[in-house]
Protein backbone atom coordinates (compact mmCIF):
# COMPACT_ATOMS: atom_id res chain seq x y z
CA MET A 1 136.06 -12.30 17.08
CA ASN A 2 132.79 -13.23 18.78
CA ASN A 3 134.11 -12.27 22.19
CA ASP A 4 135.32 -9.01 20.69
CA PHE A 5 131.79 -8.17 19.51
CA LEU A 6 130.23 -8.95 22.89
CA ASN A 7 132.89 -6.97 24.75
CA LYS A 8 132.37 -3.97 22.49
CA PHE A 9 128.60 -4.17 22.91
CA LYS A 10 129.00 -4.22 26.70
CA LYS A 11 131.47 -1.35 26.54
CA ILE A 12 128.94 0.75 24.61
CA ILE A 13 126.44 0.14 27.41
CA ARG A 14 128.89 0.81 30.23
CA GLU A 15 130.38 3.96 28.73
CA CYS A 16 127.27 5.67 27.36
CA ASN A 17 126.94 9.34 28.25
CA TYR A 18 124.39 10.68 30.71
CA ASP A 19 122.60 13.10 28.36
CA ASN A 20 119.68 10.75 27.69
CA THR A 21 118.74 7.06 27.60
CA TYR A 22 118.66 6.57 23.82
CA LYS A 23 121.68 4.22 23.77
CA MET A 24 120.13 2.01 26.43
CA ALA A 25 116.94 1.75 24.39
CA MET A 26 118.95 0.91 21.25
CA ALA A 27 120.92 -1.79 23.07
CA LYS A 28 117.77 -3.36 24.50
CA SER A 29 116.03 -3.18 21.10
CA LEU A 30 118.86 -5.08 19.42
CA VAL A 31 118.85 -7.78 22.08
CA GLU A 32 115.09 -8.26 21.69
CA ILE A 33 115.27 -8.15 17.90
CA SER A 34 117.96 -10.85 17.95
CA PHE A 35 115.19 -13.36 18.73
CA LEU A 36 113.55 -12.61 15.38
CA TYR A 37 116.47 -14.01 13.36
CA ASP A 38 118.10 -17.42 13.28
CA THR A 39 120.81 -17.09 10.64
CA ASN A 40 124.53 -16.50 10.21
CA ASP A 41 123.88 -14.36 7.15
CA THR A 42 124.04 -10.58 7.16
CA VAL A 43 120.81 -9.05 8.46
CA SER A 44 119.27 -5.66 7.68
CA ILE A 45 117.16 -4.13 10.45
CA SER A 46 114.99 -1.14 9.65
CA MET A 47 114.65 1.92 11.85
CA ASP A 48 110.89 1.42 11.59
CA LEU A 49 111.22 -1.91 13.43
CA ILE A 50 113.52 -0.47 16.09
CA ALA A 51 111.09 2.45 16.56
CA LYS A 52 108.43 0.00 17.76
CA TYR A 53 110.69 -1.15 20.59
CA TYR A 54 111.56 2.43 21.56
CA LEU A 55 107.88 3.26 21.76
CA LYS A 56 107.23 0.24 23.98
CA TYR A 57 110.03 1.10 26.41
CA TYR A 58 109.23 4.78 26.73
CA TRP A 59 105.46 4.19 26.84
CA ASN A 60 105.76 1.78 29.77
CA GLN A 61 108.25 3.87 31.73
CA THR A 62 106.20 7.01 31.16
CA ILE A 63 102.62 5.83 31.61
CA PHE A 64 103.41 4.18 34.95
CA PHE A 65 106.22 6.26 36.42
CA ASP A 66 106.64 9.37 34.22
CA LEU A 67 110.43 9.02 34.35
CA VAL A 68 112.54 11.88 32.98
CA GLN A 69 114.74 10.52 30.18
CA GLY A 70 117.11 13.43 29.51
CA SER A 71 119.46 15.73 31.40
CA ASN A 72 118.02 18.95 29.92
CA LEU A 73 114.91 19.50 32.02
CA LYS A 74 113.82 22.36 29.77
CA LYS A 75 113.84 20.20 26.64
CA THR A 76 112.31 16.73 26.71
CA PRO A 77 114.06 14.24 24.36
CA VAL A 78 112.05 14.23 21.14
CA ILE A 79 111.32 10.49 21.20
CA LEU A 80 109.81 10.91 24.65
CA GLN A 81 107.80 13.89 23.36
CA TYR A 82 106.33 11.77 20.57
CA THR A 83 105.55 8.97 23.02
CA LYS A 84 103.81 11.31 25.46
CA THR A 85 101.72 12.78 22.66
CA LEU A 86 100.49 9.30 21.75
CA ILE A 87 99.79 8.47 25.40
CA PHE A 88 97.59 11.55 25.77
CA GLN A 89 95.82 10.75 22.51
CA TYR A 90 95.12 7.31 23.95
CA TYR A 91 93.87 8.86 27.20
CA ASP A 92 91.47 11.04 25.22
CA TYR A 93 90.24 7.98 23.34
CA ILE A 94 89.56 5.80 26.41
CA GLY A 95 88.35 8.70 28.58
CA THR A 96 90.57 7.94 31.60
CA HIS A 97 94.22 8.17 32.63
CA LYS A 98 94.46 4.53 33.63
CA PRO A 99 98.04 3.28 33.01
CA ILE A 100 98.19 0.23 30.76
CA ARG A 101 101.25 -1.50 29.32
CA TYR A 102 101.99 -0.90 25.66
CA GLU A 103 101.89 -4.63 24.92
CA ARG A 104 98.26 -4.73 26.07
CA VAL A 105 97.07 -1.72 24.06
CA GLU A 106 99.11 -2.12 20.86
CA ARG A 107 96.31 -3.87 18.96
CA GLU A 108 93.80 -1.30 20.16
CA LEU A 109 96.08 1.48 18.95
CA GLN A 110 96.46 -0.23 15.58
CA SER A 111 92.69 -0.57 15.24
CA ASN A 112 91.40 2.72 16.63
CA LEU A 113 94.32 5.18 16.62
CA LYS A 114 96.23 3.88 13.63
CA SER A 115 97.07 7.26 12.08
CA GLU A 116 98.26 8.60 15.44
CA LEU A 117 100.34 5.45 16.06
CA ASP A 118 101.84 5.49 12.57
CA ASN A 119 102.68 9.19 12.92
CA CYS A 120 104.41 8.56 16.24
CA LEU A 121 106.43 5.61 14.93
CA ASN A 122 107.42 7.52 11.80
CA LYS A 123 108.73 10.42 13.88
CA ILE A 124 110.64 8.07 16.19
CA SER A 125 112.17 6.33 13.16
CA LYS A 126 113.35 9.66 11.75
CA ALA A 127 114.82 10.65 15.12
CA LEU A 128 116.70 7.35 15.29
CA CYS A 129 118.24 8.02 11.87
CA LYS A 130 119.14 11.58 12.76
CA ASP A 131 120.44 11.29 16.31
CA VAL A 132 120.85 7.70 17.49
CA ALA A 133 121.79 4.94 15.03
CA TRP A 134 125.06 6.48 13.81
CA ARG A 135 126.17 7.38 17.35
CA PHE A 136 125.54 4.02 18.99
CA THR A 137 128.77 2.29 17.87
CA PHE A 138 131.00 5.25 18.74
CA ILE A 139 133.62 4.06 21.26
CA ASP A 140 136.85 5.86 22.18
CA SER A 141 136.39 8.35 19.33
CA VAL A 142 136.04 5.54 16.77
CA TYR A 143 132.98 4.18 14.92
CA ASN A 144 132.95 0.40 15.25
CA ASP A 145 131.50 -0.96 12.01
CA ASP A 146 132.06 -4.49 13.26
CA VAL A 147 129.24 -3.92 15.78
CA TYR A 148 126.92 -2.85 12.97
CA ARG A 149 126.93 -0.57 9.93
CA PHE A 150 124.37 2.19 9.54
CA ASP A 151 122.97 3.02 6.11
CA LYS A 152 121.26 6.38 6.57
CA GLU A 153 119.89 6.49 3.03
CA LYS A 154 118.13 3.12 3.37
CA LYS A 155 117.31 3.74 7.06
CA ILE A 156 118.71 0.41 8.15
CA ILE A 157 121.46 -1.04 10.27
CA ILE A 158 123.42 -4.00 8.89
CA ILE A 159 124.55 -6.60 11.37
CA GLU A 160 125.93 -10.11 11.08
CA GLY A 161 123.54 -12.91 12.01
CA TYR A 162 126.16 -14.64 14.16
CA ASN A 163 126.46 -11.43 16.22
CA LEU A 164 122.70 -11.40 16.73
CA LYS A 165 123.07 -14.98 18.00
CA ILE A 166 125.62 -13.74 20.53
CA LEU A 167 123.10 -11.17 21.76
CA ARG A 168 120.42 -13.85 21.95
CA ASP A 169 122.64 -16.30 23.81
CA ASN A 170 123.61 -13.65 26.37
CA TYR A 171 120.28 -11.84 26.66
CA GLU A 172 119.80 -12.34 30.42
CA ASP A 173 123.18 -10.85 31.34
CA LEU A 174 122.75 -8.07 28.77
CA PHE A 175 119.28 -7.15 30.02
CA ASP A 176 120.63 -6.96 33.57
CA LEU A 177 123.51 -4.75 32.43
CA ILE A 178 121.27 -2.52 30.31
CA ASP A 179 118.68 -2.10 33.08
CA TYR A 180 121.37 -1.34 35.65
CA ARG A 181 122.98 1.26 33.43
CA TRP A 182 119.61 2.71 32.41
CA GLY A 183 118.79 3.09 36.10
CA LEU A 184 122.10 4.83 36.80
CA VAL A 185 121.45 7.31 34.01
CA LEU A 186 117.90 7.97 35.22
CA GLU A 187 119.08 8.56 38.77
CA THR A 188 121.05 11.60 37.60
CA PHE A 189 117.90 13.51 36.62
CA ASN A 190 115.04 11.79 38.49
CA ASN A 191 114.51 12.27 42.22
CA SER A 192 111.95 9.47 42.59
CA PRO A 193 112.98 6.38 44.59
CA ARG A 194 113.38 2.75 43.50
CA ILE A 195 114.47 3.62 39.97
CA ASN A 196 116.11 0.28 39.26
CA LYS A 197 113.12 -1.60 40.65
CA LYS A 198 110.82 0.38 38.36
CA ILE A 199 112.96 -0.39 35.33
CA LYS A 200 113.19 -4.08 36.16
CA ILE A 201 109.51 -4.65 36.88
CA ILE A 202 108.55 -3.22 33.49
CA ASP A 203 110.71 -5.83 31.77
CA GLY A 204 109.29 -8.96 33.25
CA GLN A 205 105.63 -8.73 34.14
CA ASP A 206 102.44 -6.73 34.40
CA ILE A 207 102.52 -4.00 37.00
CA LYS A 208 99.67 -4.85 39.34
CA ARG A 209 98.30 -2.55 42.02
CA THR A 210 97.52 -4.40 45.24
CA ASN A 211 94.12 -4.19 46.98
CA LEU A 212 94.43 -1.47 49.61
CA ASN A 213 91.47 -2.71 51.68
CA ARG A 214 93.86 -4.93 53.61
CA PHE A 215 95.13 -1.74 55.30
CA ARG A 216 91.70 -0.68 56.61
CA LYS A 217 92.19 -2.11 60.10
CA TYR A 218 95.30 0.03 60.52
CA LEU A 219 93.74 3.14 59.01
CA ASP A 220 90.74 2.71 61.34
CA LEU A 221 93.12 2.92 64.28
CA GLN A 222 94.64 6.11 62.90
CA ASN A 223 91.39 7.64 61.66
CA PRO A 224 88.44 5.98 63.50
CA ASP A 225 85.93 8.64 62.39
CA GLN A 226 86.83 8.09 58.72
CA VAL A 227 87.50 11.77 58.02
CA CYS A 228 88.41 12.56 54.40
CA PHE A 229 92.03 13.64 54.02
CA ILE A 230 91.08 15.97 51.16
CA CYS A 231 87.88 17.74 52.24
CA GLY A 232 87.87 17.08 56.00
CA GLN A 233 84.32 15.64 56.08
CA GLU A 234 83.31 12.24 57.45
CA ILE A 235 82.91 9.49 54.85
CA ASP A 236 80.01 7.04 54.57
CA ASP A 237 81.12 3.46 53.93
CA SER A 238 79.60 3.59 50.43
CA GLU A 239 81.88 6.53 49.59
CA LEU A 240 85.02 5.31 51.35
CA SER A 241 88.23 5.04 49.33
CA ILE A 242 91.90 4.67 50.19
CA ASP A 243 94.46 6.87 48.46
CA HIS A 244 98.19 7.55 48.42
CA VAL A 245 99.26 10.99 49.66
CA ILE A 246 102.49 10.81 47.67
CA PRO A 247 101.49 9.20 44.34
CA TRP A 248 102.06 5.47 43.91
CA SER A 249 103.77 6.17 40.59
CA TYR A 250 106.45 8.11 42.50
CA LEU A 251 107.08 5.72 45.40
CA TYR A 252 106.08 2.45 43.72
CA SER A 253 104.94 1.02 47.04
CA ASP A 254 101.92 0.84 49.35
CA ASP A 255 103.53 2.04 52.58
CA ILE A 256 100.98 2.40 55.38
CA TRP A 257 102.32 5.84 56.35
CA ASN A 258 101.40 7.07 52.87
CA LEU A 259 97.75 5.85 52.86
CA VAL A 260 94.69 7.90 53.88
CA TYR A 261 90.90 7.73 53.76
CA VAL A 262 89.21 9.91 51.13
CA HIS A 263 85.81 10.20 49.48
CA LYS A 264 85.64 8.34 46.17
CA SER A 265 84.54 11.59 44.56
CA CYS A 266 87.45 13.52 46.11
CA ASN A 267 89.86 10.79 45.03
CA SER A 268 88.68 10.83 41.41
């Protein structure tokens, strides 16, 4: 019975459609949520709780890499729309477009943009009830209530505690499978490179930009007069900055061929 649950859960991941990444986010949410419970009893999980995980995933993938999450390029998936709205509200609040992980700004959002955050989470929760929760267990034209049961009226999913333990015990393999499948789906409607690397790095650690000054000796060979790539004027050392021609968020690398000298003012 336990193996049957795990096999069905993996099958849902492997056989999800390529319209959007909602099923991958649901699968990852359930694996993470499994660590909140240590019981064999039946567990009720609210859509409001799951919405918080959706927001975290889509915030991090969007604020760093702006990954497209749906096959219809003319219509952004609504959960991504809500997430982007909150991101831009946060940008307006802090006054810059500096990318920061959701985990690091969550408390700040709760303190200073609480109504905006609550509105976003409420909308995501409603979208999960309408479009996601009831579809997730659909395999081979059959709803699998032994994976979980969805109560639309109460806005909860009902899952056995021992099945959550299975998710918890197999979380490393499941995360690898979910990330791999999520990357495959994203590759169908994103043309940026290193998709799987971008997905994986968001899972495990802070995304840190390296200091580009280590490339100066090579850029001096290429551009000894320190001419600005943007305006074409020479740059004083006090105004010297190094920039990516193709944005870092697209390539996710600091390749020397993609680095140039620019004025700090031109760069900003």
